[in-house]
């Protein structure tokens, strides 16, 4: 005799659902980590390009330094996971 409630999940259904959720969460985590690494690689390329960029006057040198600093700041922000405000929201304060 089946004592299950119509429409209710069986033990197997629940087990499958939990396994799916764990796999989904692991996939999201792994994908996020891979994306983070790719972003860091691209930022490193940009920093290297700015570092190697020739300049002919002080204005170009200043622009190059400002751009390099901005990318370095964002790189450190990505690596740190971002800063949070008092409510736990991610924020970016460039000053």
Protein backbone atom coordinates (compact mmCIF):
# COMPACT_ATOMS: atom_id res chain seq x y z
CA UNK A 1 0.00 0.00 0.00
CA UNK A 2 1.37 3.42 -1.00
CA UNK A 3 1.28 5.87 1.93
CA UNK A 4 2.68 8.82 0.02
CA UNK A 5 0.69 11.99 -0.32
CA UNK A 6 -0.29 12.73 -3.92
CA UNK A 7 2.01 15.38 -5.35
CA UNK A 8 4.60 14.95 -2.60
CA UNK A 9 8.25 14.22 -3.30
CA UNK A 10 9.71 10.81 -2.60
CA UNK A 11 13.05 10.26 -0.91
CA UNK A 12 14.58 9.63 -4.34
CA UNK A 13 13.08 12.86 -5.70
CA UNK A 14 14.50 14.85 -2.80
CA UNK A 15 17.91 13.18 -3.13
CA UNK A 16 17.98 13.96 -6.87
CA UNK A 17 16.93 17.55 -6.22
CA UNK A 18 19.65 18.09 -3.57
CA UNK A 19 22.28 16.52 -5.84
CA UNK A 20 21.18 18.79 -8.70
CA UNK A 21 21.34 21.88 -6.47
CA UNK A 22 24.83 20.94 -5.25
CA UNK A 23 25.99 20.37 -8.83
CA UNK A 24 24.44 23.64 -9.97
CA UNK A 25 26.04 25.57 -7.11
CA UNK A 26 29.43 23.95 -7.79
CA UNK A 27 29.09 24.82 -11.49
CA UNK A 28 28.32 28.44 -10.67
CA UNK A 29 31.28 28.61 -8.27
CA UNK A 30 33.65 26.97 -10.75
CA UNK A 31 32.44 29.18 -13.60
CA UNK A 32 32.81 32.29 -11.46
CA UNK A 33 36.34 31.32 -10.51
CA UNK A 34 37.26 30.69 -14.16
CA UNK A 35 35.78 34.05 -15.19
CA UNK A 36 37.66 35.80 -12.37
CA UNK A 37 40.96 34.27 -13.53
CA UNK A 38 40.30 35.34 -17.14
CA UNK A 39 39.50 38.89 -16.00
CA UNK A 40 42.76 39.01 -14.02
CA UNK A 41 44.70 37.76 -17.06
CA UNK A 42 43.14 40.46 -19.25
CA UNK A 43 43.87 43.16 -16.68
CA UNK A 44 47.48 41.99 -16.52
CA UNK A 45 47.69 42.35 -20.31
CA UNK A 46 46.27 45.88 -20.13
CA UNK A 47 48.73 46.84 -17.35
CA UNK A 48 51.61 45.45 -19.41
CA UNK A 49 50.43 47.32 -22.52
CA UNK A 50 50.24 50.61 -20.61
CA UNK A 51 53.64 49.97 -19.00
CA UNK A 52 55.25 49.36 -22.42
CA UNK A 53 53.48 52.29 -24.10
CA UNK A 54 55.91 54.96 -25.30
CA UNK A 55 55.17 58.56 -24.34
CA UNK A 56 56.43 61.77 -25.91
CA UNK A 57 55.38 64.37 -23.34
CA UNK A 58 54.32 64.83 -19.73
CA UNK A 59 50.62 64.85 -20.54
CA UNK A 60 50.85 61.40 -22.15
CA UNK A 61 52.97 60.17 -19.22
CA UNK A 62 50.31 61.39 -16.77
CA UNK A 63 47.52 59.76 -18.79
CA UNK A 64 49.45 56.49 -18.94
CA UNK A 65 50.00 56.54 -15.16
CA UNK A 66 46.35 57.33 -14.41
CA UNK A 67 45.11 54.52 -16.67
CA UNK A 68 47.60 52.03 -15.22
CA UNK A 69 46.61 52.95 -11.67
CA UNK A 70 42.92 52.53 -12.50
CA UNK A 71 43.45 49.03 -13.89
CA UNK A 72 45.67 48.07 -10.95
CA UNK A 73 42.99 49.28 -8.53
CA UNK A 74 40.27 47.28 -10.29
CA UNK A 75 42.53 44.22 -10.36
CA UNK A 76 43.04 44.42 -6.59
CA UNK A 77 39.30 44.95 -6.14
CA UNK A 78 38.49 41.82 -8.16
CA UNK A 79 41.12 39.77 -6.31
CA UNK A 80 39.83 40.87 -2.91
CA UNK A 81 36.26 39.94 -3.77
CA UNK A 82 35.29 43.60 -3.52
CA UNK A 83 34.71 45.71 -0.48
CA UNK A 84 31.31 45.75 1.21
CA UNK A 85 29.29 48.45 2.91
CA UNK A 86 27.66 48.05 6.33
CA UNK A 87 24.72 46.16 4.79
CA UNK A 88 26.98 43.65 3.01
CA UNK A 89 26.50 45.14 -0.45
CA UNK A 90 29.56 45.13 -2.72
CA UNK A 91 30.86 48.60 -3.40
CA UNK A 92 33.74 50.27 -5.15
CA UNK A 93 35.27 53.36 -3.60
CA UNK A 94 38.14 54.55 -5.80
CA UNK A 95 39.42 57.20 -3.43
